[in-house]
Amino acid sequence: MRFVLAALVALCGCSEPKRDRAAPPVSTASEPAPSAPAEKAKPPGLGACGDSNSSETLAPGLELLTIRPKRTAAVDTADRCLRALRADPAHFRVALGASARTGETHNAERWAKLRSAVAVTNASMFHAGGASTGLLVDGEVLTATINKKFGAFMAANPRAAGKSLVTMWGRGCPNGSIEALRRDYRTVVQNYRLLDCNGAAIRWADEKVYSAAAVGIDRSGRVLFIHLRAPYKMSEFTEMLADPATGLDLAAAMYVEGGPEATLYIKSGDRQALFVGSFETDFLESDDNKVAWPLPNVLMLVPTT
């Protein structure tokens, strides 16, 4: 089942109220690792943006895809590539970090250190004060509101054996419901939906362009943390995600943040990478942001052993 046109027109992205969005005065993210001794070649940076698509296995069950979009961005940026960190949930479980529990908000690297995570991305957009703009549950209810505009629900950490380790359901799709997800899973996150029930692109009405972060699940049940710094309309972004040429093979995906707050942090052994957003129409219309903004709610990948 697909969204009807009226439902698609309601999707607009980045329209929910947020906290005071002044940029952090200084970056709290680590700088890149120091250069290796002169006699050793320095390994290439994780997710280096080349002229063609590439992939790198970081650990068993963990792979970083770097994809060069076919379509030119609305605004030229130094970093043009889309990154997709793909994780097997048998090796890496999805964990939620929320400031509602401690009253503390951290940047992505700090969240990763606190939870021994190999990757961190946004969990959702948020209101002033840090509350998620949609349903947010992690054992306890952190944000009770079910946002009528948001059609995507991601669930992880099943309460009983026999359930998928991670799943994503779209409002109006068969074989699922909000009630079933809340009953069967400890962690449930609600956001704007990017793909329809068949994994095809949903056309957003929003004409603005911005950097974007997304989370998806492929047809093999793997979790993907996705980041694109170059600013596009979200209709163009959804087409990238659904394009078979990317190799993502997504069954479902949800938008988790845009503009300078869109973040993906990865740490693999001694190597790490921080990808942050920048451009957002009517907010930060430049490619200048290089810092990791503090995030009240994050999704993380944590090794299972």
C-alpha atoms as a PDB file:
ATOM      1  CA  MET A   1       0.000   0.000   0.000  1.00  0.00           C
ATOM      2  CA  ARG A   2       1.346   3.479  -0.873  1.00  0.00           C
ATOM      3  CA  PHE A   3       0.640   6.887   0.575  1.00  0.00           C
ATOM      4  CA  VAL A   4      -2.105   8.767  -1.239  1.00  0.00           C
ATOM      5  CA  LEU A   5      -1.170  12.119  -2.748  1.00  0.00           C
ATOM      6  CA  ALA A   6      -2.702  14.133   0.082  1.00  0.00           C
ATOM      7  CA  ALA A   7      -0.526  12.352   2.586  1.00  0.00           C
ATOM      8  CA  LEU A   8       2.586  13.017   0.513  1.00  0.00           C
ATOM      9  CA  VAL A   9       1.878  16.725   0.279  1.00  0.00           C
ATOM     10  CA  ALA A  10       1.815  16.884   4.082  1.00  0.00           C
ATOM     11  CA  LEU A  11       5.432  15.694   4.252  1.00  0.00           C
ATOM     12  CA  CYS A  12       7.777  18.648   4.361  1.00  0.00           C
ATOM     13  CA  GLY A  13      10.826  17.805   6.521  1.00  0.00           C
ATOM     14  CA  CYS A  14      12.543  19.989   9.096  1.00  0.00           C
ATOM     15  CA  SER A  15       9.370  21.892   9.900  1.00  0.00           C
ATOM     16  CA  GLU A  16       9.076  20.902  13.540  1.00  0.00           C
ATOM     17  CA  PRO A  17      10.150  23.379  16.245  1.00  0.00           C
ATOM     18  CA  LYS A  18      13.576  22.769  17.718  1.00  0.00           C
ATOM     19  CA  ARG A  19      15.771  24.096  20.493  1.00  0.00           C
ATOM     20  CA  ASP A  20      17.695  27.352  20.102  1.00  0.00           C
ATOM     21  CA  ARG A  21      19.767  26.435  17.062  1.00  0.00           C
ATOM     22  CA  ALA A  22      22.755  28.666  17.676  1.00  0.00           C
ATOM     23  CA  ALA A  23      25.945  26.882  16.666  1.00  0.00           C
ATOM     24  CA  PRO A  24      28.131  25.567  19.495  1.00  0.00           C
ATOM     25  CA  PRO A  25      30.911  28.076  20.280  1.00  0.00           C
ATOM     26  CA  VAL A  26      33.620  25.432  19.926  1.00  0.00           C
ATOM     27  CA  SER A  27      33.750  21.895  18.651  1.00  0.00           C
ATOM     28  CA  THR A  28      33.779  19.154  21.259  1.00  0.00           C
ATOM     29  CA  ALA A  29      34.518  16.510  18.625  1.00  0.00           C
ATOM     30  CA  SER A  30      37.983  15.013  18.404  1.00  0.00           C
ATOM     31  CA  GLU A  31      40.289  16.116  15.637  1.00  0.00           C
ATOM     32  CA  PRO A  32      41.440  13.426  13.204  1.00  0.00           C
ATOM     33  CA  ALA A  33      43.980  10.989  14.592  1.00  0.00           C
ATOM     34  CA  PRO A  34      47.588  12.269  14.502  1.00  0.00           C
ATOM     35  CA  SER A  35      49.632  11.385  11.458  1.00  0.00           C
ATOM     36  CA  ALA A  36      51.420   8.043  11.547  1.00  0.00           C
ATOM     37  CA  PRO A  37      55.224   7.973  11.833  1.00  0.00           C
ATOM     38  CA  ALA A  38      56.982   9.026   8.649  1.00  0.00           C
ATOM     39  CA  GLU A  39      58.106   5.497   7.844  1.00  0.00           C
ATOM     40  CA  LYS A  40      54.521   4.240   7.730  1.00  0.00           C
ATOM     41  CA  ALA A  41      51.878   5.153   5.213  1.00  0.00           C
ATOM     42  CA  LYS A  42      48.877   6.883   6.742  1.00  0.00           C
ATOM     43  CA  PRO A  43      45.703   4.879   6.072  1.00  0.00           C
ATOM     44  CA  PRO A  44      43.122   6.675   3.970  1.00  0.00           C
ATOM     45  CA  GLY A  45      40.368   8.393   5.892  1.00  0.00           C
ATOM     46  CA  LEU A  46      37.206   6.410   6.479  1.00  0.00           C
ATOM     47  CA  GLY A  47      34.693   7.140   3.770  1.00  0.00           C
ATOM     48  CA  ALA A  48      37.035   9.235   1.644  1.00  0.00           C
ATOM     49  CA  CYS A  49      35.030  10.721  -1.224  1.00  0.00           C
ATOM     50  CA  GLY A  50      36.454   9.557  -4.541  1.00  0.00           C
ATOM     51  CA  ASP A  51      35.254   9.665  -8.122  1.00  0.00           C
ATOM     52  CA  SER A  52      33.399   6.357  -7.879  1.00  0.00           C
ATOM     53  CA  ASN A  53      31.488   4.286  -5.338  1.00  0.00           C
ATOM     54  CA  SER A  54      33.487   2.259  -2.831  1.00  0.00           C
ATOM     55  CA  SER A  55      33.027   0.010   0.176  1.00  0.00           C
ATOM     56  CA  GLU A  56      35.173  -0.937   3.137  1.00  0.00           C
ATOM     57  CA  THR A  57      34.663  -3.711   5.678  1.00  0.00           C
ATOM     58  CA  LEU A  58      35.419  -2.258   9.111  1.00  0.00           C
ATOM     59  CA  ALA A  59      34.648  -5.352  11.190  1.00  0.00           C
ATOM     60  CA  PRO A  60      32.676  -8.573  10.801  1.00  0.00           C
ATOM     61  CA  GLY A  61      29.129  -7.445  10.070  1.00  0.00           C
ATOM     62  CA  LEU A  62      30.096  -3.775   9.610  1.00  0.00           C
ATOM     63  CA  GLU A  63      30.662  -2.124   6.223  1.00  0.00           C
ATOM     64  CA  LEU A  64      30.975   1.497   5.129  1.00  0.00           C
ATOM     65  CA  LEU A  65      29.636   2.372   1.666  1.00  0.00           C
ATOM     66  CA  THR A  66      30.698   5.635   0.038  1.00  0.00           C
ATOM     67  CA  ILE A  67      28.496   6.642  -2.883  1.00  0.00           C
ATOM     68  CA  ARG A  68      28.979   9.423  -5.397  1.00  0.00           C
ATOM     69  CA  PRO A  69      25.507  10.798  -6.272  1.00  0.00           C
ATOM     70  CA  LYS A  70      24.631  10.928  -9.961  1.00  0.00           C
ATOM     71  CA  ARG A  71      22.666  14.139  -9.545  1.00  0.00           C
ATOM     72  CA  THR A  72      24.495  17.399  -8.852  1.00  0.00           C
ATOM     73  CA  ALA A  73      23.600  19.068  -5.558  1.00  0.00           C
ATOM     74  CA  ALA A  74      21.716  22.364  -5.500  1.00  0.00           C
ATOM     75  CA  VAL A  75      24.738  23.979  -3.851  1.00  0.00           C
ATOM     76  CA  ASP A  76      28.281  22.819  -4.509  1.00  0.00           C
ATOM     77  CA  THR A  77      30.079  21.478  -1.450  1.00  0.00           C
ATOM     78  CA  ALA A  78      33.590  20.206  -0.838  1.00  0.00           C
ATOM     79  CA  ASP A  79      32.209  16.837   0.257  1.00  0.00           C
ATOM     80  CA  ARG A  80      29.739  15.456  -2.294  1.00  0.00           C
ATOM     81  CA  CYS A  81      29.453  11.810  -1.198  1.00  0.00           C
ATOM     82  CA  LEU A  82      26.718   9.874   0.568  1.00  0.00           C
ATOM     83  CA  ARG A  83      27.891   7.505   3.319  1.00  0.00           C
ATOM     84  CA  ALA A  84      25.982   4.471   4.485  1.00  0.00           C
ATOM     85  CA  LEU A  85      27.255   2.453   7.417  1.00  0.00           C
ATOM     86  CA  ARG A  86      25.665  -0.995   7.137  1.00  0.00           C
ATOM     87  CA  ALA A  87      25.508  -3.241  10.205  1.00  0.00           C
ATOM     88  CA  ASP A  88      24.367  -6.800  10.807  1.00  0.00           C
ATOM     89  CA  PRO A  89      22.153  -6.689  13.950  1.00  0.00           C
ATOM     90  CA  ALA A  90      23.545 -10.080  14.968  1.00  0.00           C
ATOM     91  CA  HIS A  91      26.882  -8.315  15.546  1.00  0.00           C
ATOM     92  CA  PHE A  92      25.729  -4.793  16.473  1.00  0.00           C
ATOM     93  CA  ARG A  93      22.599  -3.923  18.392  1.00  0.00           C
ATOM     94  CA  VAL A  94      20.775  -0.620  18.076  1.00  0.00           C
ATOM     95  CA  ALA A  95      20.914   1.420  21.295  1.00  0.00           C
ATOM     96  CA  LEU A  96      19.217   4.708  22.123  1.00  0.00           C
ATOM     97  CA  GLY A  97      20.806   7.581  24.005  1.00  0.00           C
ATOM     98  CA  ALA A  98      18.486  10.257  25.400  1.00  0.00           C
ATOM     99  CA  SER A  99      19.166  13.365  27.439  1.00  0.00           C
ATOM    100  CA  ALA A 100      15.797  12.874  29.143  1.00  0.00           C
ATOM    101  CA  ARG A 101      17.446  10.255  31.355  1.00  0.00           C
ATOM    102  CA  THR A 102      20.390  12.321  32.595  1.00  0.00           C
ATOM    103  CA  GLY A 103      19.651  15.897  31.636  1.00  0.00           C
ATOM    104  CA  GLU A 104      22.901  15.912  29.637  1.00  0.00           C
ATOM    105  CA  THR A 105      23.286  16.487  25.910  1.00  0.00           C
ATOM    106  CA  HIS A 106      26.430  15.355  24.120  1.00  0.00           C
ATOM    107  CA  ASN A 107      27.966  15.459  20.694  1.00  0.00           C
ATOM    108  CA  ALA A 108      28.164  12.208  18.754  1.00  0.00           C
ATOM    109  CA  GLU A 109      31.694  11.273  19.754  1.00  0.00           C
ATOM    110  CA  ARG A 110      30.941  11.716  23.444  1.00  0.00           C
ATOM    111  CA  TRP A 111      27.808   9.586  23.136  1.00  0.00           C
ATOM    112  CA  ALA A 112      29.928   6.888  21.479  1.00  0.00           C
ATOM    113  CA  LYS A 113      32.477   6.913  24.285  1.00  0.00           C
ATOM    114  CA  LEU A 114      29.812   6.726  26.975  1.00  0.00           C
ATOM    115  CA  ARG A 115      28.193   3.658  25.396  1.00  0.00           C
ATOM    116  CA  SER A 116      31.205   1.994  23.716  1.00  0.00           C
ATOM    117  CA  ALA A 117      29.466   2.441  20.371  1.00  0.00           C
ATOM    118  CA  VAL A 118      31.056   2.045  16.954  1.00  0.00           C
ATOM    119  CA  ALA A 119      28.652   4.532  15.381  1.00  0.00           C
ATOM    120  CA  VAL A 120      26.273   7.319  16.375  1.00  0.00           C
ATOM    121  CA  THR A 121      23.674   9.249  14.399  1.00  0.00           C
ATOM    122  CA  ASN A 122      20.625  11.369  15.177  1.00  0.00           C
ATOM    123  CA  ALA A 123      17.577   9.633  16.589  1.00  0.00           C
ATOM    124  CA  SER A 124      15.119  12.364  15.618  1.00  0.00           C
ATOM    125  CA  MET A 125      14.419  16.052  15.327  1.00  0.00           C
ATOM    126  CA  PHE A 126      13.693  17.675  18.660  1.00  0.00           C
ATOM    127  CA  HIS A 127      11.893  20.492  20.426  1.00  0.00           C
ATOM    128  CA  ALA A 128      13.463  23.105  22.664  1.00  0.00           C
ATOM    129  CA  GLY A 129      14.515  21.239  25.769  1.00  0.00           C
ATOM    130  CA  GLY A 130      15.477  18.119  23.829  1.00  0.00           C
ATOM    131  CA  ALA A 131      12.185  16.189  23.622  1.00  0.00           C
ATOM    132  CA  SER A 132      11.802  14.243  20.386  1.00  0.00           C
ATOM    133  CA  THR A 133       9.257  15.530  17.879  1.00  0.00           C
ATOM    134  CA  GLY A 134       7.745  12.041  17.665  1.00  0.00           C
ATOM    135  CA  LEU A 135       7.214   8.940  19.788  1.00  0.00           C
ATOM    136  CA  LEU A 136      10.388   7.885  21.616  1.00  0.00           C
ATOM    137  CA  VAL A 137      10.388   4.766  23.782  1.00  0.00           C
ATOM    138  CA  ASP A 138      13.326   2.903  25.295  1.00  0.00           C
ATOM    139  CA  GLY A 139      11.994   0.596  27.987  1.00  0.00           C
ATOM    140  CA  GLU A 140      10.302   3.670  29.422  1.00  0.00           C
ATOM    141  CA  VAL A 141       8.357   6.277  27.469  1.00  0.00           C
ATOM    142  CA  LEU A 142      10.652   9.260  26.850  1.00  0.00           C
ATOM    143  CA  THR A 143       8.318  11.149  24.493  1.00  0.00           C
ATOM    144  CA  ALA A 144       4.692  10.003  24.502  1.00  0.00           C
ATOM    145  CA  THR A 145       3.466  12.065  21.551  1.00  0.00           C
ATOM    146  CA  ILE A 146       2.636  10.109  18.398  1.00  0.00           C
ATOM    147  CA  ASN A 147       3.182  12.691  15.661  1.00  0.00           C
ATOM    148  CA  LYS A 148       0.419  12.527  13.050  1.00  0.00           C
ATOM    149  CA  LYS A 149       2.792  13.816  10.337  1.00  0.00           C
ATOM    150  CA  PHE A 150       5.377  11.099  10.860  1.00  0.00           C
ATOM    151  CA  GLY A 151       4.806   7.797   9.067  1.00  0.00           C
ATOM    152  CA  ALA A 152       7.935   5.794   9.972  1.00  0.00           C
ATOM    153  CA  PHE A 153       8.473   3.705  13.105  1.00  0.00           C
ATOM    154  CA  MET A 154      11.743   1.908  13.830  1.00  0.00           C
ATOM    155  CA  ALA A 155      11.813  -0.732  16.563  1.00  0.00           C
ATOM    156  CA  ALA A 156      14.743  -2.593  18.133  1.00  0.00           C
ATOM    157  CA  ASN A 157      15.606  -4.794  21.095  1.00  0.00           C
ATOM    158  CA  PRO A 158      12.748  -7.329  21.019  1.00  0.00           C
ATOM    159  CA  ARG A 159      11.160  -8.348  24.297  1.00  0.00           C
ATOM    160  CA  ALA A 160      10.923 -12.024  23.308  1.00  0.00           C
ATOM    161  CA  ALA A 161      12.705 -14.519  21.079  1.00  0.00           C
ATOM    162  CA  GLY A 162      11.455 -15.056  17.564  1.00  0.00           C
ATOM    163  CA  LYS A 163      11.140 -11.396  16.596  1.00  0.00           C
ATOM    164  CA  SER A 164      13.424  -9.591  14.161  1.00  0.00           C
ATOM    165  CA  LEU A 165      16.261  -7.888  16.026  1.00  0.00           C
ATOM    166  CA  VAL A 166      15.417  -4.622  14.258  1.00  0.00           C
ATOM    167  CA  THR A 167      12.388  -3.718  12.181  1.00  0.00           C
ATOM    168  CA  MET A 168      10.812  -0.694  10.535  1.00  0.00           C
ATOM    169  CA  TRP A 169       7.128  -0.215   9.806  1.00  0.00           C
ATOM    170  CA  GLY A 170       5.365   2.488   7.829  1.00  0.00           C
ATOM    171  CA  ARG A 171       1.962   3.866   8.715  1.00  0.00           C
ATOM    172  CA  GLY A 172      -0.554   2.322   6.328  1.00  0.00           C
ATOM    173  CA  CYS A 173       1.656  -0.643   5.444  1.00  0.00           C
ATOM    174  CA  PRO A 174       0.369  -4.182   6.047  1.00  0.00           C
ATOM    175  CA  ASN A 175       1.533  -6.562   8.763  1.00  0.00           C
ATOM    176  CA  GLY A 176       2.190  -4.091  11.519  1.00  0.00           C
ATOM    177  CA  SER A 177       0.901  -1.443  13.905  1.00  0.00           C
ATOM    178  CA  ILE A 178       2.174   1.028  16.464  1.00  0.00           C
ATOM    179  CA  GLU A 179       0.596  -1.039  19.213  1.00  0.00           C
ATOM    180  CA  ALA A 180       2.365  -4.216  18.083  1.00  0.00           C
ATOM    181  CA  LEU A 181       5.743  -2.490  17.943  1.00  0.00           C
ATOM    182  CA  ARG A 182       5.337  -1.075  21.439  1.00  0.00           C
ATOM    183  CA  ARG A 183       4.251  -4.450  22.750  1.00  0.00           C
ATOM    184  CA  ASP A 184       7.042  -6.457  21.115  1.00  0.00           C
ATOM    185  CA  TYR A 185      10.043  -4.091  21.317  1.00  0.00           C
ATOM    186  CA  ARG A 186      11.764  -2.095  24.042  1.00  0.00           C
ATOM    187  CA  THR A 187      12.947   0.643  21.679  1.00  0.00           C
ATOM    188  CA  VAL A 188      10.622   2.511  19.296  1.00  0.00           C
ATOM    189  CA  VAL A 189      11.496   5.713  17.411  1.00  0.00           C
ATOM    190  CA  GLN A 190       9.126   7.708  15.163  1.00  0.00           C
ATOM    191  CA  ASN A 191      10.193   9.985  12.287  1.00  0.00           C
ATOM    192  CA  TYR A 192       9.299  11.216   8.819  1.00  0.00           C
ATOM    193  CA  ARG A 193       9.101   8.415   6.292  1.00  0.00           C
ATOM    194  CA  LEU A 194      11.343   8.352   3.191  1.00  0.00           C
ATOM    195  CA  LEU A 195      10.296   5.179   1.351  1.00  0.00           C
ATOM    196  CA  ASP A 196       6.890   3.629   0.767  1.00  0.00           C
ATOM    197  CA  CYS A 197       5.737   0.118   1.686  1.00  0.00           C
ATOM    198  CA  ASN A 198       7.527  -1.296  -1.368  1.00  0.00           C
ATOM    199  CA  GLY A 199      10.802   0.543  -0.796  1.00  0.00           C
ATOM    200  CA  ALA A 200      10.114   3.126  -3.519  1.00  0.00           C
ATOM    201  CA  ALA A 201      10.869   6.828  -3.101  1.00  0.00           C
ATOM    202  CA  ILE A 202       8.247   9.050  -1.509  1.00  0.00           C
ATOM    203  CA  ARG A 203       8.071  12.461  -3.162  1.00  0.00           C
ATOM    204  CA  TRP A 204       8.253  15.204  -0.522  1.00  0.00           C
ATOM    205  CA  ALA A 205       6.572  18.546  -1.166  1.00  0.00           C
ATOM    206  CA  ASP A 206       9.377  20.467   0.586  1.00  0.00           C
ATOM    207  CA  GLU A 207      11.363  22.562  -1.912  1.00  0.00           C
ATOM    208  CA  LYS A 208      14.130  23.461   0.559  1.00  0.00           C
ATOM    209  CA  VAL A 209      17.562  21.872   0.305  1.00  0.00           C
ATOM    210  CA  TYR A 210      19.684  20.688   3.191  1.00  0.00           C
ATOM    211  CA  SER A 211      22.217  18.192   4.457  1.00  0.00           C
ATOM    212  CA  ALA A 212      20.492  15.071   5.739  1.00  0.00           C
ATOM    213  CA  ALA A 213      20.832  12.055   8.011  1.00  0.00           C
ATOM    214  CA  ALA A 214      18.654   8.957   7.734  1.00  0.00           C
ATOM    215  CA  VAL A 215      18.336   5.464   9.167  1.00  0.00           C
ATOM    216  CA  GLY A 216      17.170   2.501   7.132  1.00  0.00           C
ATOM    217  CA  ILE A 217      16.792  -1.258   7.021  1.00  0.00           C
ATOM    218  CA  ASP A 218      17.700  -3.268   3.929  1.00  0.00           C
ATOM    219  CA  ARG A 219      15.956  -6.342   2.559  1.00  0.00           C
ATOM    220  CA  SER A 220      18.395  -8.586   4.438  1.00  0.00           C
ATOM    221  CA  GLY A 221      17.460  -7.002   7.776  1.00  0.00           C
ATOM    222  CA  ARG A 222      20.650  -4.977   8.171  1.00  0.00           C
ATOM    223  CA  VAL A 223      20.633  -1.495   9.709  1.00  0.00           C
ATOM    224  CA  LEU A 224      22.019   1.478   7.780  1.00  0.00           C
ATOM    225  CA  PHE A 225      23.108   4.834   9.222  1.00  0.00           C
ATOM    226  CA  ILE A 226      23.115   7.228   6.251  1.00  0.00           C
ATOM    227  CA  HIS A 227      24.615  10.712   5.906  1.00  0.00           C
ATOM    228  CA  LEU A 228      24.757  13.231   3.045  1.00  0.00           C
ATOM    229  CA  ARG A 229      26.415  16.606   3.591  1.00  0.00           C
ATOM    230  CA  ALA A 230      25.706  17.991   0.119  1.00  0.00           C
ATOM    231  CA  PRO A 231      22.291  19.725   0.155  1.00  0.00           C
ATOM    232  CA  TYR A 232      19.459  18.268  -1.907  1.00  0.00           C
ATOM    233  CA  LYS A 233      15.687  18.452  -1.938  1.00  0.00           C
ATOM    234  CA  MET A 234      14.349  15.532   0.048  1.00  0.00           C
ATOM    235  CA  SER A 235      12.564  14.230  -3.052  1.00  0.00           C
ATOM    236  CA  GLU A 236      16.010  13.884  -4.647  1.00  0.00           C
ATOM    237  CA  PHE A 237      17.379  12.268  -1.477  1.00  0.00           C
ATOM    238  CA  THR A 238      14.614   9.655  -1.434  1.00  0.00           C
ATOM    239  CA  GLU A 239      15.313   8.844  -5.091  1.00  0.00           C
ATOM    240  CA  MET A 240      18.985   8.232  -4.226  1.00  0.00           C
ATOM    241  CA  LEU A 241      18.024   5.884  -1.422  1.00  0.00           C
ATOM    242  CA  ALA A 242      15.683   3.896  -3.665  1.00  0.00           C
ATOM    243  CA  ASP A 243      18.026   3.754  -6.668  1.00  0.00           C
ATOM    244  CA  PRO A 244      19.199   0.136  -7.233  1.00  0.00           C
ATOM    245  CA  ALA A 245      22.541   1.456  -8.531  1.00  0.00           C
ATOM    246  CA  THR A 246      23.563   2.536  -5.038  1.00  0.00           C
ATOM    247  CA  GLY A 247      23.518  -1.054  -3.776  1.00  0.00           C
ATOM    248  CA  LEU A 248      21.699  -0.037  -0.598  1.00  0.00           C
ATOM    249  CA  ASP A 249      18.733  -2.349  -1.305  1.00  0.00           C
ATOM    250  CA  LEU A 250      16.629  -0.532   1.277  1.00  0.00           C
ATOM    251  CA  ALA A 251      13.259  -1.881   2.340  1.00  0.00           C
ATOM    252  CA  ALA A 252      12.469   1.143   4.536  1.00  0.00           C
ATOM    253  CA  ALA A 253      14.059   4.384   5.687  1.00  0.00           C
ATOM    254  CA  MET A 254      13.301   7.348   7.927  1.00  0.00           C
ATOM    255  CA  TYR A 255      14.619  10.910   8.032  1.00  0.00           C
ATOM    256  CA  VAL A 256      16.276  11.714  11.358  1.00  0.00           C
ATOM    257  CA  GLU A 257      17.711  15.234  10.928  1.00  0.00           C
ATOM    258  CA  GLY A 258      18.806  17.925   8.479  1.00  0.00           C
ATOM    259  CA  GLY A 259      21.129  20.897   8.279  1.00  0.00           C
ATOM    260  CA  PRO A 260      24.176  21.286  10.546  1.00  0.00           C
ATOM    261  CA  GLU A 261      22.807  18.938  13.210  1.00  0.00           C
ATOM    262  CA  ALA A 262      22.770  15.965  10.796  1.00  0.00           C
ATOM    263  CA  THR A 263      25.616  13.797  12.089  1.00  0.00           C
ATOM    264  CA  LEU A 264      27.307  10.441  11.574  1.00  0.00           C
ATOM    265  CA  TYR A 265      30.246   9.433  13.764  1.00  0.00           C
ATOM    266  CA  ILE A 266      32.135   6.178  13.191  1.00  0.00           C
ATOM    267  CA  LYS A 267      34.942   4.589  15.199  1.00  0.00           C
ATOM    268  CA  SER A 268      36.648   1.432  13.986  1.00  0.00           C
ATOM    269  CA  GLY A 269      39.685   0.420  16.006  1.00  0.00           C
ATOM    270  CA  ASP A 270      42.122   3.333  15.889  1.00  0.00           C
ATOM    271  CA  ARG A 271      40.310   4.959  12.973  1.00  0.00           C
ATOM    272  CA  GLN A 272      37.403   7.333  13.240  1.00  0.00           C
ATOM    273  CA  ALA A 273      35.374   9.622  11.040  1.00  0.00           C
ATOM    274  CA  LEU A 274      32.974  12.440  11.748  1.00  0.00           C
ATOM    275  CA  PHE A 275      30.510  13.523   9.066  1.00  0.00           C
ATOM    276  CA  VAL A 276      28.468  16.627   9.863  1.00  0.00           C
ATOM    277  CA  GLY A 277      25.874  18.577   7.938  1.00  0.00           C
ATOM    278  CA  SER A 278      25.992  22.236   7.047  1.00  0.00           C
ATOM    279  CA  PHE A 279      23.668  23.806   4.486  1.00  0.00           C
ATOM    280  CA  GLU A 280      19.994  24.369   5.264  1.00  0.00           C
ATOM    281  CA  THR A 281      17.729  26.750   3.354  1.00  0.00           C
ATOM    282  CA  ASP A 282      16.722  29.785   5.453  1.00  0.00           C
ATOM    283  CA  PHE A 283      19.038  28.788   8.305  1.00  0.00           C
ATOM    284  CA  LEU A 284      22.692  28.137   7.434  1.00  0.00           C
ATOM    285  CA  GLU A 285      23.171  28.690   3.726  1.00  0.00           C
ATOM    286  CA  SER A 286      26.855  27.818   3.528  1.00  0.00           C
ATOM    287  CA  ASP A 287      29.266  24.888   3.517  1.00  0.00           C
ATOM    288  CA  ASP A 288      31.119  26.274   6.548  1.00  0.00           C
ATOM    289  CA  ASN A 289      30.041  24.047   9.441  1.00  0.00           C
ATOM    290  CA  LYS A 290      32.782  21.662  10.550  1.00  0.00           C
ATOM    291  CA  VAL A 291      31.746  21.000  14.158  1.00  0.00           C
ATOM    292  CA  ALA A 292      29.614  18.316  15.767  1.00  0.00           C
ATOM    293  CA  TRP A 293      26.548  19.901  17.317  1.00  0.00           C
ATOM    294  CA  PRO A 294      25.226  18.569  20.628  1.00  0.00           C
ATOM    295  CA  LEU A 295      22.401  16.048  20.187  1.00  0.00           C
ATOM    296  CA  PRO A 296      19.821  15.211  22.873  1.00  0.00           C
ATOM    297  CA  ASN A 297      18.688  11.927  21.277  1.00  0.00           C
ATOM    298  CA  VAL A 298      20.862   9.517  19.302  1.00  0.00           C
ATOM    299  CA  LEU A 299      20.829   6.042  17.808  1.00  0.00           C
ATOM    300  CA  MET A 300      23.993   3.995  18.286  1.00  0.00           C
ATOM    301  CA  LEU A 301      25.470   0.732  17.087  1.00  0.00           C
ATOM    302  CA  VAL A 302      26.978  -1.219  19.978  1.00  0.00           C
ATOM    303  CA  PRO A 303      28.882  -4.515  19.535  1.00  0.00           C
ATOM    304  CA  THR A 304      26.919  -7.485  20.828  1.00  0.00           C
ATOM    305  CA  THR A 305      30.080  -9.154  22.203  1.00  0.00           C
END
